[in-house]
Amino acid sequence: MTPPDRHSVREATDAILASLAAQPSLRVPLADSVGHVLAEDVSAALPLPPWTNASMDGYAVRAADVRGASAASPISLRVVEVIAAGDAVMRPLKGGEAMRIFTGAPVPPGADSVIRQEDSDRGIDEVVILNDRDAGANIRLAGGDLARGALALAAGTVIGPHQLGLLAALAVAHPVVHRKPRVGILAGGDELVSLDRREEILSGERLSDVNGPALRALVEAAGGVAVPLGLVADDPVALRSRIEAAQDVDLIITAGGVSVGDHDYVHQVMEALGVTPVVRRVRIRPGGPTAFGMLPDGRGWLALPGNPVSAMVTFELFGRPAIRTMMGQREARRPQILVILDEVVTADPVLDLYLRVTFTWAQDGGPPHARLTGPQGSGMLSSMARAEGLVVVNAGAGRVEAGSAVTGLVW
């Protein structure tokens, strides 16, 4: 079915993500798993904590033995054992006894309280309890965090340092994750050269290729493996040859050649290669010419505009969620938030505007305020460099006054 001439951002994103599948799964060493996405649920193979333990340095006691203790009415107990973290408990605690215990050490059977050492005289053979505020307290029950067999982390969870800590506690040495997609990056334009031809850039003979390095960094930040494919001339034969040669990547991202000018050949080459069109254009500024299609071998081709600001903005809107989806993430889109505009903006009658902004976060917990980073022309790279995210000004909204609530996306 032929896609409509122009999609909204939501329609385009939905169509792109529906076309892509998560990468195959593999086991990786836990130390290398950060940034990957779990490919299967992780259930607790042991309870957390694995044994009932003390959350304070102090004395394991029976609550009934210490209730009413105070500085004016101290209670003495016989100390029968010392238990450190890692020790095995030798015997149950009996009435009238205490065991010196340290944080993390197993609580002996019969004890239901750990009196912090500050509320005692820290006796060795006999301890004097001076306060009963910890009666029934300072004990972490076995399985109090996770019971054996409980779901610890669901498939689709991104592994960060905190999730890695939980996996380590559960003795998961090699979690099953989705392979990170290899993303080929191809920038186009006769006027562009790479930084190894710096003198031509400085002399004004040629322009520096911004899209190649910027998209490489964006792909890596999104979690993909960037595979630079270099620069290609504004030539359909050269473009086709480069796309056909890019067999070792899972997704192709090109920048440039996707508009309707005499030297824009992406759509022509897509058709020649049998690409199934999914998105032809998007109703946004910047980045309206963005296109996406599926190669006959099932790989996606995301074609971004050549203007670097447009390429970066549309990557954030479409490229990043595409990569996150291929990594197996449950919700690949950036979350949207409500923000307050701090200045007047005039909406476009037809296109949704995605404007670069900085945010000021409210101290009272209210919505953040957004201010434009400067002129919003698609050639303004400095305004992109200052941006902390985007705000959306819907088409046809007319004059949007300062203080209006709009949708924001934070990088």
Protein backbone atom coordinates (compact mmCIF):
# COMPACT_ATOMS: atom_id res chain seq x y z
CA MET A 1 0.00 0.00 0.00
CA THR A 2 1.36 3.42 -0.95
CA PRO A 3 1.94 5.62 2.11
CA PRO A 4 0.38 9.09 2.21
CA ASP A 5 2.40 11.98 0.81
CA ARG A 6 3.03 13.39 4.29
CA HIS A 7 2.82 11.86 7.74
CA SER A 8 2.58 13.52 11.10
CA VAL A 9 5.51 12.77 13.40
CA ARG A 10 3.43 10.27 15.36
CA GLU A 11 2.19 8.56 12.19
CA ALA A 12 5.69 8.40 10.76
CA THR A 13 7.18 7.07 13.99
CA ASP A 14 4.46 4.45 14.35
CA ALA A 15 5.00 3.30 10.77
CA ILE A 16 8.78 3.15 11.10
CA LEU A 17 8.78 1.27 14.40
CA ALA A 18 6.14 -1.19 13.16
CA SER A 19 8.48 -2.06 10.28
CA LEU A 20 11.43 -2.95 12.50
CA ALA A 21 12.14 -5.99 14.65
CA ALA A 22 14.39 -6.46 17.63
CA GLN A 23 17.84 -7.86 16.96
CA PRO A 24 18.65 -11.49 17.83
CA SER A 25 19.56 -12.31 21.40
CA LEU A 26 22.90 -13.36 22.82
CA ARG A 27 24.58 -13.77 26.18
CA VAL A 28 27.14 -11.19 27.21
CA PRO A 29 29.36 -10.93 30.29
CA LEU A 30 27.64 -8.89 32.96
CA ALA A 31 30.44 -6.31 32.94
CA ASP A 32 29.74 -5.66 29.24
CA SER A 33 25.95 -5.54 29.51
CA VAL A 34 25.39 -1.87 30.32
CA GLY A 35 23.53 -0.21 27.47
CA HIS A 36 22.04 -3.48 26.22
CA VAL A 37 18.37 -4.40 26.55
CA LEU A 38 17.24 -7.61 28.23
CA ALA A 39 15.86 -10.14 25.77
CA GLU A 40 14.14 -12.25 28.42
CA ASP A 41 12.68 -11.86 31.89
CA VAL A 42 15.06 -12.31 34.80
CA SER A 43 13.58 -14.08 37.81
CA ALA A 44 15.27 -14.23 41.17
CA ALA A 45 17.18 -17.51 41.47
CA LEU A 46 17.60 -16.80 45.18
CA PRO A 47 15.80 -14.60 47.69
CA LEU A 48 17.12 -11.09 48.30
CA PRO A 49 18.44 -10.74 50.84
CA PRO A 50 19.37 -14.43 50.93
CA TRP A 51 19.22 -14.56 54.72
CA THR A 52 17.65 -12.49 57.48
CA ASN A 53 20.33 -10.00 58.48
CA ALA A 54 21.08 -7.00 60.62
CA SER A 55 20.75 -3.50 59.22
CA MET A 56 22.73 -1.98 62.12
CA ASP A 57 25.82 -2.66 64.17
CA GLY A 58 24.56 -3.57 67.62
CA TYR A 59 23.07 -6.49 69.56
CA ALA A 60 20.62 -9.13 68.41
CA VAL A 61 18.01 -9.59 71.14
CA ARG A 62 14.43 -10.58 71.84
CA ALA A 63 12.13 -7.56 71.91
CA ALA A 64 10.40 -8.95 74.99
CA ASP A 65 13.71 -8.84 76.85
CA VAL A 66 14.40 -5.14 76.22
CA ARG A 67 11.03 -3.40 76.31
CA GLY A 68 11.02 -0.65 78.90
CA ALA A 69 14.79 -0.20 78.82
CA SER A 70 15.96 3.38 79.33
CA ALA A 71 18.87 5.26 80.79
CA ALA A 72 16.93 5.43 84.05
CA SER A 73 15.94 1.75 83.89
CA PRO A 74 18.66 -0.12 82.01
CA ILE A 75 18.38 -3.82 81.21
CA SER A 76 21.38 -6.16 81.25
CA LEU A 77 21.74 -9.19 78.96
CA ARG A 78 24.43 -11.81 78.73
CA VAL A 79 26.45 -11.66 75.47
CA VAL A 80 26.88 -15.22 74.22
CA GLU A 81 28.29 -14.81 70.70
CA VAL A 82 29.72 -12.32 68.19
CA ILE A 83 28.39 -12.51 64.61
CA ALA A 84 30.11 -10.70 61.74
CA ALA A 85 28.97 -10.45 58.13
CA GLY A 86 29.72 -13.79 56.50
CA ASP A 87 29.66 -15.75 59.74
CA ALA A 88 27.40 -18.73 60.31
CA VAL A 89 25.09 -18.58 63.32
CA MET A 90 26.08 -21.31 65.76
CA ARG A 91 22.91 -21.55 67.85
CA PRO A 92 19.52 -19.89 68.49
CA LEU A 93 19.21 -16.95 70.85
CA LYS A 94 17.62 -17.71 74.20
CA GLY A 95 15.75 -15.45 76.59
CA GLY A 96 17.96 -13.11 78.59
CA GLU A 97 20.75 -13.34 76.00
CA ALA A 98 22.20 -11.02 73.39
CA MET A 99 24.58 -11.56 70.51
CA ARG A 100 26.96 -8.87 69.31
CA ILE A 101 26.13 -8.41 65.62
CA PHE A 102 27.35 -6.31 62.72
CA THR A 103 25.58 -4.91 59.66
CA GLY A 104 24.81 -7.63 57.12
CA ALA A 105 25.45 -10.49 59.54
CA PRO A 106 22.81 -13.24 59.81
CA VAL A 107 20.32 -12.76 62.62
CA PRO A 108 20.17 -15.82 64.88
CA PRO A 109 16.92 -17.77 65.25
CA GLY A 110 14.95 -16.47 68.19
CA ALA A 111 16.09 -12.84 67.77
CA ASP A 112 13.58 -10.31 66.46
CA SER A 113 15.44 -7.06 67.11
CA VAL A 114 18.84 -5.46 66.70
CA ILE A 115 19.55 -2.77 69.29
CA ARG A 116 21.92 -0.23 67.81
CA GLN A 117 25.21 -0.07 69.66
CA GLU A 118 24.70 3.60 70.52
CA ASP A 119 21.83 2.55 72.81
CA SER A 120 24.08 0.28 74.88
CA ASP A 121 27.27 0.37 76.87
CA ARG A 122 28.86 -1.86 74.16
CA GLY A 123 29.59 -4.53 76.70
CA ILE A 124 31.58 -7.62 75.74
CA ASP A 125 30.43 -10.34 78.15
CA GLU A 126 27.38 -8.46 79.36
CA VAL A 127 25.64 -5.59 77.62
CA VAL A 128 23.50 -2.88 79.22
CA ILE A 129 20.60 -1.75 77.02
CA LEU A 130 19.77 1.94 77.59
CA ASN A 131 16.89 2.47 75.13
CA ASP A 132 14.15 0.22 73.75
CA ARG A 133 13.38 2.23 70.59
CA ASP A 134 14.75 -0.58 68.41
CA ALA A 135 12.57 -3.32 69.84
CA GLY A 136 11.34 -5.20 66.78
CA ALA A 137 13.51 -3.13 64.40
CA ASN A 138 16.72 -3.17 62.34
CA ILE A 139 16.22 -6.61 60.80
CA ARG A 140 16.08 -7.23 57.05
CA LEU A 141 14.04 -10.35 56.38
CA ALA A 142 15.20 -12.97 53.91
CA GLY A 143 13.35 -12.34 50.64
CA GLY A 144 12.17 -8.95 51.87
CA ASP A 145 13.40 -7.36 48.67
CA LEU A 146 12.71 -10.20 46.23
CA ALA A 147 11.33 -13.65 46.93
CA ARG A 148 12.87 -16.61 45.15
CA GLY A 149 11.25 -16.89 41.72
CA ALA A 150 9.91 -13.32 41.69
CA LEU A 151 10.30 -11.21 38.54
CA ALA A 152 13.39 -9.08 39.02
CA LEU A 153 13.72 -7.38 35.62
CA ALA A 154 11.39 -7.71 32.63
CA ALA A 155 12.43 -8.28 29.05
CA GLY A 156 12.80 -4.93 27.33
CA THR A 157 14.53 -3.32 30.31
CA VAL A 158 17.60 -1.26 29.50
CA ILE A 159 20.56 -2.37 31.61
CA GLY A 160 22.17 0.54 33.40
CA PRO A 161 24.49 0.53 36.41
CA HIS A 162 21.56 0.11 38.81
CA GLN A 163 20.12 -2.84 36.91
CA LEU A 164 23.60 -4.34 36.67
CA GLY A 165 23.81 -4.19 40.45
CA LEU A 166 20.61 -6.18 40.81
CA LEU A 167 21.76 -8.75 38.26
CA ALA A 168 25.04 -9.12 40.13
CA ALA A 169 23.17 -9.68 43.40
CA LEU A 170 21.17 -12.41 41.68
CA ALA A 171 24.36 -14.07 40.38
CA VAL A 172 23.44 -13.44 36.73
CA ALA A 173 26.89 -13.65 35.17
CA HIS A 174 25.79 -13.60 31.51
CA PRO A 175 22.41 -11.91 30.93
CA VAL A 176 20.55 -12.59 27.68
CA VAL A 177 20.31 -9.35 25.75
CA HIS A 178 19.48 -8.17 22.26
CA ARG A 179 22.43 -7.57 19.99
CA LYS A 180 23.03 -3.90 19.33
CA PRO A 181 22.15 -3.00 15.74
CA ARG A 182 24.92 -2.03 13.36
CA VAL A 183 23.90 1.25 11.76
CA GLY A 184 25.51 2.33 8.51
CA ILE A 185 25.91 6.10 8.14
CA LEU A 186 26.29 7.59 4.67
CA ALA A 187 26.42 11.34 4.09
CA GLY A 188 26.06 12.84 0.63
CA GLY A 189 26.91 16.05 -1.18
CA ASP A 190 29.40 17.16 -3.83
CA GLU A 191 30.29 20.16 -1.69
CA LEU A 192 31.37 18.11 1.34
CA VAL A 193 34.76 16.80 2.41
CA SER A 194 35.93 15.05 5.55
CA LEU A 195 38.19 16.65 8.12
CA ASP A 196 41.29 15.08 6.61
CA ARG A 197 40.90 17.79 3.94
CA ARG A 198 40.83 20.55 6.52
CA GLU A 199 42.71 23.12 4.42
CA GLU A 200 40.00 23.04 1.75
CA ILE A 201 37.40 23.66 4.45
CA LEU A 202 39.31 26.57 5.97
CA SER A 203 39.93 28.13 2.56
CA GLY A 204 36.22 28.04 1.75
CA GLU A 205 36.60 25.67 -1.20
CA ARG A 206 34.52 22.94 0.42
CA LEU A 207 32.23 22.42 3.40
CA SER A 208 33.04 20.13 6.28
CA ASP A 209 30.96 16.98 6.50
CA VAL A 210 28.96 17.55 9.69
CA ASN A 211 26.41 14.79 9.26
CA GLY A 212 28.85 11.89 9.25
CA PRO A 213 30.49 12.66 12.61
CA ALA A 214 27.28 13.99 14.21
CA LEU A 215 25.17 11.00 13.20
CA ARG A 216 27.90 8.61 14.29
CA ALA A 217 27.83 10.20 17.74
CA LEU A 218 24.03 10.16 17.84
CA VAL A 219 23.87 6.49 16.85
CA GLU A 220 26.35 5.56 19.57
CA ALA A 221 24.47 7.67 22.12
CA ALA A 222 21.24 5.88 21.15
CA GLY A 223 22.90 2.52 21.83
CA GLY A 224 23.66 1.40 18.28
CA VAL A 225 26.99 0.48 16.74
CA ALA A 226 27.87 3.15 14.20
CA VAL A 227 29.42 1.98 10.94
CA PRO A 228 30.66 5.00 8.97
CA LEU A 229 30.16 4.50 5.23
CA GLY A 230 31.91 7.73 4.26
CA LEU A 231 30.76 10.37 1.81
CA VAL A 232 29.00 9.83 -1.48
CA ALA A 233 28.72 12.20 -4.42
CA ASP A 234 25.41 13.52 -5.72
CA ASP A 235 25.23 10.69 -8.23
CA PRO A 236 22.55 7.97 -8.33
CA VAL A 237 25.00 5.33 -9.58
CA ALA A 238 27.43 6.04 -6.75
CA LEU A 239 24.62 6.10 -4.18
CA ARG A 240 23.20 2.80 -5.36
CA SER A 241 26.62 1.21 -5.31
CA ARG A 242 27.24 2.32 -1.72
CA ILE A 243 23.86 1.05 -0.52
CA GLU A 244 24.34 -2.29 -2.26
CA ALA A 245 27.80 -2.65 -0.71
CA ALA A 246 26.53 -2.00 2.82
CA GLN A 247 25.70 -5.62 3.59
CA ASP A 248 27.13 -5.84 7.10
CA VAL A 249 24.74 -3.38 8.71
CA ASP A 250 21.24 -3.81 10.12
CA LEU A 251 19.95 -0.29 9.39
CA ILE A 252 21.10 2.32 6.88
CA ILE A 253 20.89 6.03 7.62
CA THR A 254 21.67 8.47 4.84
CA ALA A 255 21.84 12.24 5.06
CA GLY A 256 21.17 14.32 1.98
CA GLY A 257 19.66 13.79 -1.44
CA VAL A 258 16.15 13.14 -0.15
CA SER A 259 14.41 16.32 -1.27
CA VAL A 260 13.08 17.14 -4.74
CA GLY A 261 15.99 19.04 -6.26
CA ASP A 262 17.80 18.13 -9.47
CA HIS A 263 20.62 16.52 -7.47
CA ASP A 264 18.45 14.63 -4.97
CA TYR A 265 18.52 10.97 -5.94
CA VAL A 266 17.48 9.03 -2.82
CA HIS A 267 13.92 8.31 -3.91
CA GLN A 268 15.10 7.32 -7.39
CA VAL A 269 17.63 4.88 -5.94
CA MET A 270 15.12 3.55 -3.41
CA GLU A 271 12.77 2.70 -6.26
CA ALA A 272 15.55 1.13 -8.32
CA LEU A 273 16.56 -1.08 -5.39
CA GLY A 274 12.99 -2.26 -4.76
CA VAL A 275 12.62 -0.43 -1.47
CA THR A 276 9.10 -0.62 -0.04
CA PRO A 277 8.21 2.97 0.89
CA VAL A 278 6.91 3.44 4.43
CA VAL A 279 7.28 7.19 4.91
CA ARG A 280 7.78 9.63 2.06
CA ARG A 281 7.66 12.99 3.83
CA VAL A 282 6.75 14.34 7.26
CA ARG A 283 4.68 17.41 8.13
CA ILE A 284 7.39 19.12 10.18
CA ARG A 285 9.99 21.85 10.06
CA PRO A 286 12.87 21.25 10.06
CA GLY A 287 13.15 17.90 8.35
CA GLY A 288 10.07 17.59 6.15
CA PRO A 289 11.75 15.52 3.40
CA THR A 290 12.58 12.66 5.81
CA ALA A 291 11.78 9.26 4.27
CA PHE A 292 11.92 5.64 5.36
CA GLY A 293 11.60 2.37 3.51
CA MET A 294 12.40 -1.33 3.74
CA LEU A 295 14.98 -2.92 1.47
CA PRO A 296 13.98 -6.26 -0.09
CA ASP A 297 16.22 -8.09 2.39
CA GLY A 298 14.21 -6.70 5.32
CA ARG A 299 16.59 -3.97 6.42
CA GLY A 300 15.43 -0.41 6.97
CA TRP A 301 16.70 2.70 5.20
CA LEU A 302 16.13 5.99 7.02
CA ALA A 303 16.80 8.90 4.68
CA LEU A 304 17.36 12.17 6.50
CA PRO A 305 17.70 15.65 4.99
CA GLY A 306 21.21 16.88 4.24
CA ASN A 307 21.01 20.05 6.28
CA PRO A 308 22.83 19.13 9.52
CA VAL A 309 20.27 20.69 11.86
CA SER A 310 17.45 18.93 10.03
CA ALA A 311 19.39 15.66 10.08
CA MET A 312 20.03 15.88 13.82
CA VAL A 313 16.46 16.85 14.71
CA THR A 314 14.93 14.11 12.57
CA PHE A 315 17.40 11.58 13.93
CA GLU A 316 16.16 12.39 17.43
CA LEU A 317 12.56 11.99 16.28
CA PHE A 318 12.93 8.86 14.12
CA GLY A 319 16.47 7.45 14.18
CA ARG A 320 16.84 7.14 17.92
CA PRO A 321 13.50 5.32 18.47
CA ALA A 322 14.27 3.08 15.49
CA ILE A 323 17.56 2.02 17.06
CA ARG A 324 16.01 1.58 20.50
CA THR A 325 13.27 -0.60 18.98
CA MET A 326 15.87 -2.75 17.24
CA MET A 327 17.63 -3.10 20.59
CA GLY A 328 14.42 -4.51 22.08
CA GLN A 329 13.47 -1.56 24.30
CA ARG A 330 9.80 -1.65 25.35
CA GLU A 331 9.14 2.07 24.82
CA ALA A 332 11.55 3.51 22.31
CA ARG A 333 10.20 7.03 22.00
CA ARG A 334 11.49 9.87 24.12
CA PRO A 335 8.95 10.80 26.79
CA GLN A 336 7.01 13.99 26.15
CA ILE A 337 6.53 16.58 28.87
CA LEU A 338 4.46 19.70 29.33
CA VAL A 339 6.53 22.89 29.19
CA ILE A 340 5.80 26.61 29.34
CA LEU A 341 7.04 28.83 26.53
CA ASP A 342 8.83 31.95 27.72
CA GLU A 343 8.47 33.86 24.46
CA VAL A 344 6.07 34.41 21.59
CA VAL A 345 6.22 31.96 18.67
CA THR A 346 4.32 32.12 15.40
CA ALA A 347 3.11 28.74 14.20
CA ASP A 348 3.37 27.54 10.61
CA PRO A 349 -0.02 27.14 8.91
CA VAL A 350 0.81 23.65 7.59
CA LEU A 351 3.86 22.22 9.35
CA ASP A 352 4.46 21.37 12.99
CA LEU A 353 7.50 23.27 14.23
CA TYR A 354 10.14 21.46 16.28
CA LEU A 355 12.08 24.28 17.90
CA ARG A 356 15.41 24.06 19.71
CA VAL A 357 15.20 25.25 23.29
CA THR A 358 16.84 25.33 26.68
CA PHE A 359 14.87 24.49 29.82
CA THR A 360 14.59 26.13 33.20
CA TRP A 361 13.33 23.66 35.77
CA ALA A 362 10.76 24.94 38.23
CA GLN A 363 11.74 24.78 41.90
CA ASP A 364 8.14 24.21 42.98
CA GLY A 365 7.75 21.03 40.95
CA GLY A 366 5.74 22.74 38.22
CA PRO A 367 6.39 22.36 34.49
CA PRO A 368 9.75 23.61 33.19
CA HIS A 369 10.00 26.76 31.13
CA ALA A 370 11.46 26.71 27.62
CA ARG A 371 13.33 29.43 25.76
CA LEU A 372 14.50 29.33 22.14
CA THR A 373 18.22 28.90 21.64
CA GLY A 374 18.23 31.64 19.05
CA PRO A 375 17.26 31.89 15.38
CA GLN A 376 15.64 28.65 14.30
CA GLY A 377 16.78 28.47 10.70
CA SER A 378 17.88 25.00 9.66
CA GLY A 379 21.37 26.30 8.98
CA MET A 380 21.92 27.52 12.55
CA LEU A 381 24.24 24.91 14.01
CA SER A 382 25.09 27.01 17.06
CA SER A 383 21.44 27.00 18.14
CA MET A 384 21.47 23.21 17.89
CA ALA A 385 24.61 23.01 19.99
CA ARG A 386 22.97 25.06 22.74
CA ALA A 387 19.72 23.08 22.72
CA GLU A 388 18.67 20.85 25.59
CA GLY A 389 15.66 19.54 23.71
CA LEU A 390 12.75 20.52 21.51
CA VAL A 391 9.31 22.03 21.85
CA VAL A 392 6.46 21.36 19.45
CA VAL A 393 4.35 24.19 18.07
CA ASN A 394 1.44 22.65 16.23
CA ALA A 395 0.54 23.73 12.72
CA GLY A 396 -2.23 26.28 12.47
CA ALA A 397 -1.92 27.47 16.07
CA GLY A 398 -1.31 31.05 14.95
CA ARG A 399 0.44 33.30 17.43
CA VAL A 400 1.46 31.29 20.49
CA GLU A 401 1.88 33.67 23.39
CA ALA A 402 4.53 33.56 26.09
CA GLY A 403 3.23 31.50 29.00
CA SER A 404 1.49 28.99 26.74
CA ALA A 405 1.77 25.29 27.51
CA VAL A 406 3.33 23.18 24.74
CA THR A 407 4.85 19.72 24.34
CA GLY A 408 8.54 19.33 25.03
CA LEU A 409 11.13 16.62 24.43
CA VAL A 410 14.30 16.57 26.52
CA TRP A 411 17.49 15.13 25.06
